[in-house]
Amino acid sequence: MYNNNLDCPICLGEVGDVELERILVWEDTLWRLTISLNAEILAFAYLEPKRHISDITALDGEEARTFGEVLARVSRALRDETEAELVFVYVFGGGIPHLHVHLAPHHTGDALNAQMIRGEVEERKMESGATQFVSKDFPVLPESAQRAIASRISRRLR
């Protein structure tokens, strides 16, 4: 879609914000936070690095070091100012190849839901009290496959 960071609307800063229908509300030397002017909920926001970083797997350097701290700080501000119950955090990365974290302050009954799985979903209460969301259209993958990939990832991270 975008050939380089000169074509990237996020890299354009406030000029790109006009195209993306949002407004800058905070920034430091590495990060910026914008609020959507066209959203179904109050204060739907985007946190993104100022430097062109394609996606979360490319996060490094000072941005990687400060990411958690900045994410927590801006999420708290969104939660507190909107009186939200919690802030959903999404990273999709398929539309614009510049890391942008979607922050969605959530209230019971608003336009958001916890469904992360496509298709018809069934809710199952677990013994712990948690709710499991299971797709009726896509079967759960075998536990053996999940254990095998978990083992590979564990080895890689050691």
N, C-alpha and C. Protein backbone atom coordinates (compact mmCIF):
# COMPACT_ATOMS: atom_id res chain seq x y z
N MET A 1 0.82 -1.19 0.00
CA MET A 1 0.00 0.00 0.00
C MET A 1 0.87 1.26 0.00
N TYR A 2 1.80 1.36 0.97
CA TYR A 2 2.68 2.52 1.06
C TYR A 2 4.10 2.07 0.75
N ASN A 3 4.75 2.75 -0.17
CA ASN A 3 6.07 2.34 -0.61
C ASN A 3 7.17 2.68 0.39
N ASN A 4 7.02 3.77 1.13
CA ASN A 4 8.02 4.18 2.11
C ASN A 4 7.38 5.11 3.12
N ASN A 5 8.18 5.56 4.09
CA ASN A 5 7.59 6.39 5.13
C ASN A 5 7.15 7.77 4.63
N LEU A 6 7.56 8.17 3.43
CA LEU A 6 7.06 9.43 2.86
C LEU A 6 5.60 9.30 2.42
N ASP A 7 5.18 8.07 2.13
CA ASP A 7 3.80 7.80 1.73
C ASP A 7 2.92 7.47 2.93
N CYS A 8 3.52 7.20 4.08
CA CYS A 8 2.80 6.73 5.26
C CYS A 8 2.06 7.89 5.93
N PRO A 9 0.73 7.84 6.03
CA PRO A 9 0.00 8.95 6.64
C PRO A 9 0.33 9.13 8.12
N ILE A 10 0.75 8.08 8.81
CA ILE A 10 1.11 8.22 10.22
C ILE A 10 2.42 8.99 10.34
N CYS A 11 3.36 8.76 9.43
CA CYS A 11 4.63 9.48 9.45
C CYS A 11 4.44 10.97 9.16
N LEU A 12 3.33 11.34 8.55
CA LEU A 12 3.07 12.74 8.22
C LEU A 12 2.62 13.55 9.44
N GLY A 13 2.43 12.90 10.58
CA GLY A 13 2.05 13.61 11.79
C GLY A 13 0.69 14.28 11.67
N GLU A 14 0.63 15.54 12.06
CA GLU A 14 -0.66 16.23 12.07
C GLU A 14 -1.26 16.38 10.68
N VAL A 15 -0.45 16.43 9.65
CA VAL A 15 -0.97 16.47 8.27
C VAL A 15 -1.72 15.17 7.98
N GLY A 16 -1.13 14.05 8.35
CA GLY A 16 -1.77 12.75 8.18
C GLY A 16 -3.00 12.59 9.05
N ASP A 17 -3.00 13.24 10.23
CA ASP A 17 -4.15 13.16 11.13
C ASP A 17 -5.42 13.66 10.46
N VAL A 18 -5.30 14.67 9.61
CA VAL A 18 -6.47 15.20 8.89
C VAL A 18 -7.08 14.11 8.02
N GLU A 19 -6.23 13.43 7.25
CA GLU A 19 -6.70 12.34 6.39
C GLU A 19 -7.32 11.21 7.21
N LEU A 20 -6.71 10.91 8.36
CA LEU A 20 -7.16 9.80 9.19
C LEU A 20 -8.27 10.19 10.17
N GLU A 21 -8.71 11.42 10.11
CA GLU A 21 -9.81 11.95 10.93
C GLU A 21 -9.56 11.77 12.43
N ARG A 22 -8.46 12.36 12.86
CA ARG A 22 -8.12 12.30 14.28
C ARG A 22 -7.38 13.56 14.69
N ILE A 23 -7.18 13.72 16.01
CA ILE A 23 -6.55 14.92 16.53
C ILE A 23 -5.48 14.53 17.55
N LEU A 24 -4.35 15.22 17.49
CA LEU A 24 -3.25 14.98 18.42
C LEU A 24 -3.65 15.46 19.81
N VAL A 25 -3.44 14.60 20.83
CA VAL A 25 -3.75 15.00 22.21
C VAL A 25 -2.52 14.95 23.12
N TRP A 26 -1.47 14.23 22.71
CA TRP A 26 -0.25 14.14 23.52
C TRP A 26 0.88 13.62 22.66
N GLU A 27 2.09 14.07 22.98
CA GLU A 27 3.28 13.52 22.35
C GLU A 27 4.50 13.78 23.22
N ASP A 28 5.51 12.95 23.04
CA ASP A 28 6.83 13.19 23.61
C ASP A 28 7.82 13.05 22.46
N THR A 29 9.06 12.83 22.74
CA THR A 29 10.04 12.76 21.65
C THR A 29 9.92 11.49 20.81
N LEU A 30 9.30 10.42 21.37
CA LEU A 30 9.21 9.14 20.67
C LEU A 30 7.80 8.75 20.24
N TRP A 31 6.81 9.15 21.00
CA TRP A 31 5.44 8.65 20.85
C TRP A 31 4.45 9.79 20.64
N ARG A 32 3.32 9.43 20.03
CA ARG A 32 2.21 10.38 19.91
C ARG A 32 0.90 9.63 20.14
N LEU A 33 -0.08 10.33 20.70
CA LEU A 33 -1.40 9.78 20.95
C LEU A 33 -2.42 10.68 20.28
N THR A 34 -3.28 10.06 19.47
CA THR A 34 -4.34 10.81 18.80
C THR A 34 -5.69 10.22 19.18
N ILE A 35 -6.72 11.04 19.07
CA ILE A 35 -8.10 10.61 19.33
C ILE A 35 -8.87 10.68 18.01
N SER A 36 -9.63 9.63 17.73
CA SER A 36 -10.44 9.59 16.51
C SER A 36 -11.57 10.61 16.61
N LEU A 37 -11.79 11.33 15.51
CA LEU A 37 -12.93 12.25 15.43
C LEU A 37 -14.12 11.56 14.78
N ASN A 38 -13.97 10.27 14.46
CA ASN A 38 -15.01 9.52 13.77
C ASN A 38 -15.06 8.11 14.36
N ALA A 39 -15.64 7.98 15.56
CA ALA A 39 -15.66 6.69 16.25
C ALA A 39 -17.00 6.46 16.93
N GLU A 40 -17.31 5.21 17.19
CA GLU A 40 -18.57 4.83 17.84
C GLU A 40 -18.51 4.95 19.35
N ILE A 41 -17.32 5.15 19.89
CA ILE A 41 -17.15 5.31 21.33
C ILE A 41 -16.34 6.57 21.61
N LEU A 42 -16.45 7.08 22.83
CA LEU A 42 -15.74 8.28 23.23
C LEU A 42 -14.25 7.96 23.45
N ALA A 43 -13.38 8.76 22.85
CA ALA A 43 -11.93 8.72 23.05
C ALA A 43 -11.25 7.47 22.49
N PHE A 44 -11.77 6.93 21.38
CA PHE A 44 -11.05 5.86 20.69
C PHE A 44 -9.73 6.47 20.23
N ALA A 45 -8.61 5.88 20.64
CA ALA A 45 -7.32 6.52 20.45
C ALA A 45 -6.32 5.62 19.72
N TYR A 46 -5.25 6.24 19.25
CA TYR A 46 -4.16 5.54 18.59
C TYR A 46 -2.84 5.99 19.22
N LEU A 47 -2.05 5.04 19.66
CA LEU A 47 -0.70 5.31 20.14
C LEU A 47 0.26 4.78 19.10
N GLU A 48 1.20 5.64 18.66
CA GLU A 48 2.14 5.19 17.64
C GLU A 48 3.50 5.85 17.85
N PRO A 49 4.55 5.16 17.43
CA PRO A 49 5.88 5.77 17.49
C PRO A 49 6.00 6.83 16.40
N LYS A 50 6.78 7.86 16.67
CA LYS A 50 7.01 8.89 15.66
C LYS A 50 7.92 8.37 14.54
N ARG A 51 8.86 7.53 14.92
CA ARG A 51 9.76 6.93 13.93
C ARG A 51 8.98 5.85 13.18
N HIS A 52 9.25 5.70 11.90
CA HIS A 52 8.54 4.69 11.11
C HIS A 52 8.99 3.30 11.54
N ILE A 53 8.09 2.58 12.19
CA ILE A 53 8.30 1.20 12.60
C ILE A 53 7.14 0.43 12.01
N SER A 54 7.41 -0.54 11.19
CA SER A 54 6.37 -1.20 10.39
C SER A 54 5.32 -1.91 11.23
N ASP A 55 5.74 -2.63 12.27
CA ASP A 55 4.77 -3.39 13.07
C ASP A 55 5.41 -3.72 14.41
N ILE A 56 4.68 -4.34 15.29
CA ILE A 56 5.16 -4.58 16.65
C ILE A 56 6.40 -5.47 16.68
N THR A 57 6.56 -6.33 15.69
CA THR A 57 7.75 -7.20 15.69
C THR A 57 9.02 -6.42 15.35
N ALA A 58 8.90 -5.23 14.80
CA ALA A 58 10.05 -4.40 14.45
C ALA A 58 10.38 -3.38 15.55
N LEU A 59 9.62 -3.38 16.63
CA LEU A 59 9.84 -2.45 17.73
C LEU A 59 11.19 -2.73 18.37
N ASP A 60 12.03 -1.68 18.50
CA ASP A 60 13.35 -1.85 19.09
C ASP A 60 13.81 -0.53 19.70
N GLY A 61 15.00 -0.53 20.24
CA GLY A 61 15.59 0.70 20.75
C GLY A 61 14.77 1.35 21.86
N GLU A 62 14.81 2.68 21.89
CA GLU A 62 14.11 3.44 22.92
C GLU A 62 12.60 3.22 22.88
N GLU A 63 12.04 3.04 21.68
CA GLU A 63 10.60 2.78 21.61
C GLU A 63 10.25 1.48 22.32
N ALA A 64 11.06 0.45 22.13
CA ALA A 64 10.81 -0.83 22.80
C ALA A 64 10.96 -0.67 24.31
N ARG A 65 11.96 0.07 24.72
CA ARG A 65 12.22 0.25 26.14
C ARG A 65 11.09 1.02 26.84
N THR A 66 10.49 1.98 26.17
CA THR A 66 9.48 2.84 26.80
C THR A 66 8.04 2.43 26.50
N PHE A 67 7.84 1.46 25.63
CA PHE A 67 6.50 1.10 25.17
C PHE A 67 5.52 0.81 26.32
N GLY A 68 5.87 -0.08 27.22
CA GLY A 68 4.97 -0.45 28.31
C GLY A 68 4.60 0.72 29.20
N GLU A 69 5.59 1.52 29.54
CA GLU A 69 5.36 2.69 30.40
C GLU A 69 4.40 3.68 29.73
N VAL A 70 4.65 3.98 28.47
CA VAL A 70 3.81 4.93 27.74
C VAL A 70 2.40 4.36 27.55
N LEU A 71 2.31 3.08 27.19
CA LEU A 71 1.01 2.45 27.00
C LEU A 71 0.18 2.51 28.28
N ALA A 72 0.80 2.19 29.41
CA ALA A 72 0.08 2.25 30.69
C ALA A 72 -0.35 3.67 31.01
N ARG A 73 0.53 4.64 30.80
CA ARG A 73 0.22 6.05 31.13
C ARG A 73 -0.96 6.58 30.32
N VAL A 74 -0.92 6.38 28.99
CA VAL A 74 -2.00 6.93 28.17
C VAL A 74 -3.30 6.15 28.37
N SER A 75 -3.20 4.83 28.60
CA SER A 75 -4.41 4.04 28.85
C SER A 75 -5.10 4.47 30.14
N ARG A 76 -4.31 4.76 31.18
CA ARG A 76 -4.88 5.26 32.44
C ARG A 76 -5.59 6.58 32.23
N ALA A 77 -4.98 7.46 31.46
CA ALA A 77 -5.60 8.76 31.18
C ALA A 77 -6.92 8.59 30.44
N LEU A 78 -6.94 7.72 29.44
CA LEU A 78 -8.17 7.46 28.70
C LEU A 78 -9.24 6.88 29.61
N ARG A 79 -8.87 5.89 30.43
CA ARG A 79 -9.82 5.27 31.35
C ARG A 79 -10.38 6.29 32.33
N ASP A 80 -9.50 7.05 32.94
CA ASP A 80 -9.93 8.00 33.97
C ASP A 80 -10.79 9.11 33.40
N GLU A 81 -10.40 9.67 32.27
CA GLU A 81 -11.15 10.81 31.70
C GLU A 81 -12.49 10.40 31.11
N THR A 82 -12.62 9.16 30.66
CA THR A 82 -13.90 8.69 30.11
C THR A 82 -14.72 7.92 31.14
N GLU A 83 -14.12 7.69 32.32
CA GLU A 83 -14.74 6.88 33.37
C GLU A 83 -15.08 5.48 32.86
N ALA A 84 -14.21 4.97 32.01
CA ALA A 84 -14.39 3.64 31.44
C ALA A 84 -14.09 2.56 32.47
N GLU A 85 -14.67 1.38 32.25
CA GLU A 85 -14.41 0.24 33.11
C GLU A 85 -13.00 -0.30 32.85
N LEU A 86 -12.61 -0.30 31.59
CA LEU A 86 -11.28 -0.75 31.18
C LEU A 86 -11.00 -0.20 29.80
N VAL A 87 -9.77 -0.38 29.35
CA VAL A 87 -9.38 0.06 28.00
C VAL A 87 -8.94 -1.16 27.23
N PHE A 88 -9.66 -1.47 26.14
CA PHE A 88 -9.24 -2.54 25.25
C PHE A 88 -8.02 -2.06 24.47
N VAL A 89 -7.06 -2.96 24.25
CA VAL A 89 -5.85 -2.65 23.49
C VAL A 89 -5.79 -3.62 22.32
N TYR A 90 -5.72 -3.06 21.11
CA TYR A 90 -5.67 -3.88 19.91
C TYR A 90 -4.45 -3.48 19.08
N VAL A 91 -3.78 -4.44 18.49
CA VAL A 91 -2.75 -4.17 17.50
C VAL A 91 -3.06 -5.09 16.32
N PHE A 92 -3.49 -4.50 15.21
CA PHE A 92 -3.83 -5.30 14.03
C PHE A 92 -2.69 -5.27 13.02
N GLY A 93 -2.34 -4.10 12.52
CA GLY A 93 -1.20 -3.95 11.64
C GLY A 93 -1.43 -4.30 10.19
N GLY A 94 -2.63 -4.62 9.79
CA GLY A 94 -2.85 -5.01 8.41
C GLY A 94 -3.18 -3.87 7.46
N GLY A 95 -3.57 -2.73 7.98
CA GLY A 95 -4.01 -1.64 7.11
C GLY A 95 -2.89 -0.69 6.72
N ILE A 96 -2.30 -0.05 7.69
CA ILE A 96 -1.20 0.88 7.46
C ILE A 96 0.05 0.26 8.07
N PRO A 97 1.11 0.06 7.29
CA PRO A 97 2.31 -0.60 7.82
C PRO A 97 3.17 0.34 8.67
N HIS A 98 2.58 0.88 9.71
CA HIS A 98 3.26 1.70 10.72
C HIS A 98 2.62 1.30 12.03
N LEU A 99 3.41 0.86 12.99
CA LEU A 99 2.85 0.41 14.26
C LEU A 99 1.90 1.45 14.83
N HIS A 100 0.67 1.04 15.08
CA HIS A 100 -0.30 1.89 15.76
C HIS A 100 -1.17 1.00 16.64
N VAL A 101 -1.23 1.36 17.90
CA VAL A 101 -1.97 0.60 18.89
C VAL A 101 -3.32 1.28 19.06
N HIS A 102 -4.39 0.51 18.88
CA HIS A 102 -5.75 1.02 19.06
C HIS A 102 -6.10 0.92 20.54
N LEU A 103 -6.56 2.00 21.13
CA LEU A 103 -6.95 2.04 22.54
C LEU A 103 -8.41 2.42 22.61
N ALA A 104 -9.22 1.56 23.21
CA ALA A 104 -10.67 1.74 23.18
C ALA A 104 -11.24 1.71 24.60
N PRO A 105 -11.53 2.88 25.18
CA PRO A 105 -12.17 2.91 26.49
C PRO A 105 -13.54 2.23 26.41
N HIS A 106 -13.79 1.28 27.30
CA HIS A 106 -14.99 0.44 27.21
C HIS A 106 -15.90 0.63 28.41
N HIS A 107 -17.20 0.77 28.11
CA HIS A 107 -18.27 0.79 29.11
C HIS A 107 -19.25 -0.32 28.74
N THR A 108 -19.82 -0.98 29.73
CA THR A 108 -20.83 -2.01 29.47
C THR A 108 -21.93 -1.43 28.59
N GLY A 109 -22.28 -2.17 27.54
CA GLY A 109 -23.37 -1.76 26.66
C GLY A 109 -22.96 -0.84 25.52
N ASP A 110 -21.67 -0.48 25.43
CA ASP A 110 -21.27 0.40 24.33
C ASP A 110 -21.11 -0.40 23.03
N ALA A 111 -20.55 0.22 22.02
CA ALA A 111 -20.44 -0.39 20.70
C ALA A 111 -19.38 -1.49 20.62
N LEU A 112 -18.58 -1.65 21.63
CA LEU A 112 -17.51 -2.64 21.61
C LEU A 112 -17.98 -3.97 22.17
N ASN A 113 -17.25 -5.01 21.81
CA ASN A 113 -17.48 -6.31 22.44
C ASN A 113 -16.15 -7.02 22.57
N ALA A 114 -16.15 -8.10 23.27
CA ALA A 114 -14.92 -8.85 23.51
C ALA A 114 -14.68 -9.92 22.45
N GLN A 115 -15.49 -9.96 21.39
CA GLN A 115 -15.36 -10.99 20.38
C GLN A 115 -14.12 -10.76 19.53
N MET A 116 -13.24 -11.71 19.57
CA MET A 116 -12.02 -11.63 18.77
C MET A 116 -12.02 -12.68 17.67
N ILE A 117 -13.06 -13.48 17.62
CA ILE A 117 -13.12 -14.59 16.68
C ILE A 117 -14.24 -14.33 15.68
N ARG A 118 -13.94 -14.55 14.43
CA ARG A 118 -14.92 -14.35 13.37
C ARG A 118 -16.02 -15.38 13.44
N GLY A 119 -17.19 -15.02 12.99
CA GLY A 119 -18.31 -15.96 12.91
C GLY A 119 -19.16 -15.97 14.16
N GLU A 120 -20.08 -16.90 14.18
CA GLU A 120 -20.96 -17.04 15.34
C GLU A 120 -20.15 -17.57 16.52
N VAL A 121 -20.35 -16.95 17.67
CA VAL A 121 -19.56 -17.29 18.84
C VAL A 121 -20.47 -17.75 19.97
N GLU A 122 -20.01 -18.76 20.67
CA GLU A 122 -20.73 -19.27 21.84
C GLU A 122 -19.94 -18.90 23.09
N GLU A 123 -20.64 -18.41 24.11
CA GLU A 123 -20.00 -18.10 25.39
C GLU A 123 -20.13 -19.29 26.31
N ARG A 124 -19.01 -19.66 26.93
CA ARG A 124 -19.01 -20.77 27.88
C ARG A 124 -18.42 -20.27 29.19
N LYS A 125 -19.17 -20.44 30.26
CA LYS A 125 -18.66 -20.07 31.58
C LYS A 125 -17.72 -21.16 32.06
N MET A 126 -16.55 -20.75 32.50
CA MET A 126 -15.57 -21.70 33.01
C MET A 126 -15.73 -21.80 34.53
N GLU A 127 -15.20 -22.86 35.09
CA GLU A 127 -15.30 -23.09 36.52
C GLU A 127 -14.74 -21.91 37.32
N SER A 128 -13.72 -21.26 36.78
CA SER A 128 -13.08 -20.13 37.45
C SER A 128 -13.94 -18.88 37.48
N GLY A 129 -15.00 -18.86 36.67
CA GLY A 129 -15.84 -17.67 36.54
C GLY A 129 -15.54 -16.88 35.28
N ALA A 130 -14.42 -17.21 34.63
CA ALA A 130 -14.08 -16.55 33.37
C ALA A 130 -15.03 -17.02 32.28
N THR A 131 -15.12 -16.23 31.23
CA THR A 131 -15.93 -16.60 30.08
C THR A 131 -15.03 -16.97 28.93
N GLN A 132 -15.27 -18.11 28.32
CA GLN A 132 -14.53 -18.55 27.15
C GLN A 132 -15.42 -18.30 25.93
N PHE A 133 -14.85 -17.69 24.90
CA PHE A 133 -15.59 -17.44 23.67
C PHE A 133 -15.09 -18.45 22.63
N VAL A 134 -16.01 -19.26 22.11
CA VAL A 134 -15.65 -20.34 21.19
C VAL A 134 -16.42 -20.13 19.89
N SER A 135 -15.70 -20.19 18.78
CA SER A 135 -16.32 -20.04 17.47
C SER A 135 -17.11 -21.29 17.11
N LYS A 136 -18.31 -21.08 16.61
CA LYS A 136 -19.08 -22.20 16.08
C LYS A 136 -18.69 -22.50 14.64
N ASP A 137 -17.99 -21.56 14.00
CA ASP A 137 -17.61 -21.70 12.60
C ASP A 137 -16.18 -22.22 12.41
N PHE A 138 -15.34 -22.05 13.41
CA PHE A 138 -13.94 -22.46 13.31
C PHE A 138 -13.63 -23.35 14.51
N PRO A 139 -13.31 -24.61 14.28
CA PRO A 139 -13.06 -25.52 15.41
C PRO A 139 -11.78 -25.16 16.16
N VAL A 140 -11.78 -25.46 17.44
CA VAL A 140 -10.58 -25.29 18.26
C VAL A 140 -9.49 -26.19 17.70
N LEU A 141 -8.28 -25.66 17.62
CA LEU A 141 -7.15 -26.45 17.11
C LEU A 141 -6.73 -27.49 18.15
N PRO A 142 -6.12 -28.56 17.71
CA PRO A 142 -5.74 -29.62 18.65
C PRO A 142 -4.79 -29.11 19.74
N GLU A 143 -5.01 -29.59 20.96
CA GLU A 143 -4.15 -29.20 22.07
C GLU A 143 -2.69 -29.56 21.78
N SER A 144 -2.47 -30.67 21.11
CA SER A 144 -1.10 -31.09 20.80
C SER A 144 -0.38 -30.04 19.93
N ALA A 145 -1.10 -29.44 19.00
CA ALA A 145 -0.51 -28.40 18.16
C ALA A 145 -0.19 -27.16 18.99
N GLN A 146 -1.07 -26.81 19.93
CA GLN A 146 -0.84 -25.65 20.79
C GLN A 146 0.37 -25.89 21.70
N ARG A 147 0.46 -27.11 22.27
CA ARG A 147 1.60 -27.43 23.14
C ARG A 147 2.91 -27.44 22.36
N ALA A 148 2.89 -27.93 21.13
CA ALA A 148 4.10 -27.97 20.31
C ALA A 148 4.60 -26.56 19.99
N ILE A 149 3.69 -25.67 19.60
CA ILE A 149 4.13 -24.31 19.27
C ILE A 149 4.55 -23.57 20.53
N ALA A 150 3.88 -23.82 21.66
CA ALA A 150 4.28 -23.19 22.92
C ALA A 150 5.70 -23.60 23.29
N SER A 151 6.03 -24.86 23.07
CA SER A 151 7.37 -25.35 23.37
C SER A 151 8.42 -24.69 22.48
N ARG A 152 8.12 -24.56 21.19
CA ARG A 152 9.04 -23.91 20.24
C ARG A 152 9.28 -22.44 20.62
N ILE A 153 8.19 -21.75 20.97
CA ILE A 153 8.32 -20.34 21.34
C ILE A 153 9.11 -20.21 22.64
N SER A 154 8.86 -21.09 23.59
CA SER A 154 9.58 -21.08 24.85
C SER A 154 11.09 -21.25 24.61
N ARG A 155 11.44 -22.20 23.76
CA ARG A 155 12.86 -22.43 23.44
C ARG A 155 13.48 -21.18 22.80
N ARG A 156 12.75 -20.56 21.90
CA ARG A 156 13.27 -19.38 21.20
C ARG A 156 13.51 -18.22 22.16
N LEU A 157 12.65 -18.09 23.18
CA LEU A 157 12.76 -16.97 24.10
C LEU A 157 13.76 -17.20 25.23
N ARG A 158 14.31 -18.39 25.35
CA ARG A 158 15.30 -18.66 26.41
C ARG A 158 16.62 -18.00 26.10
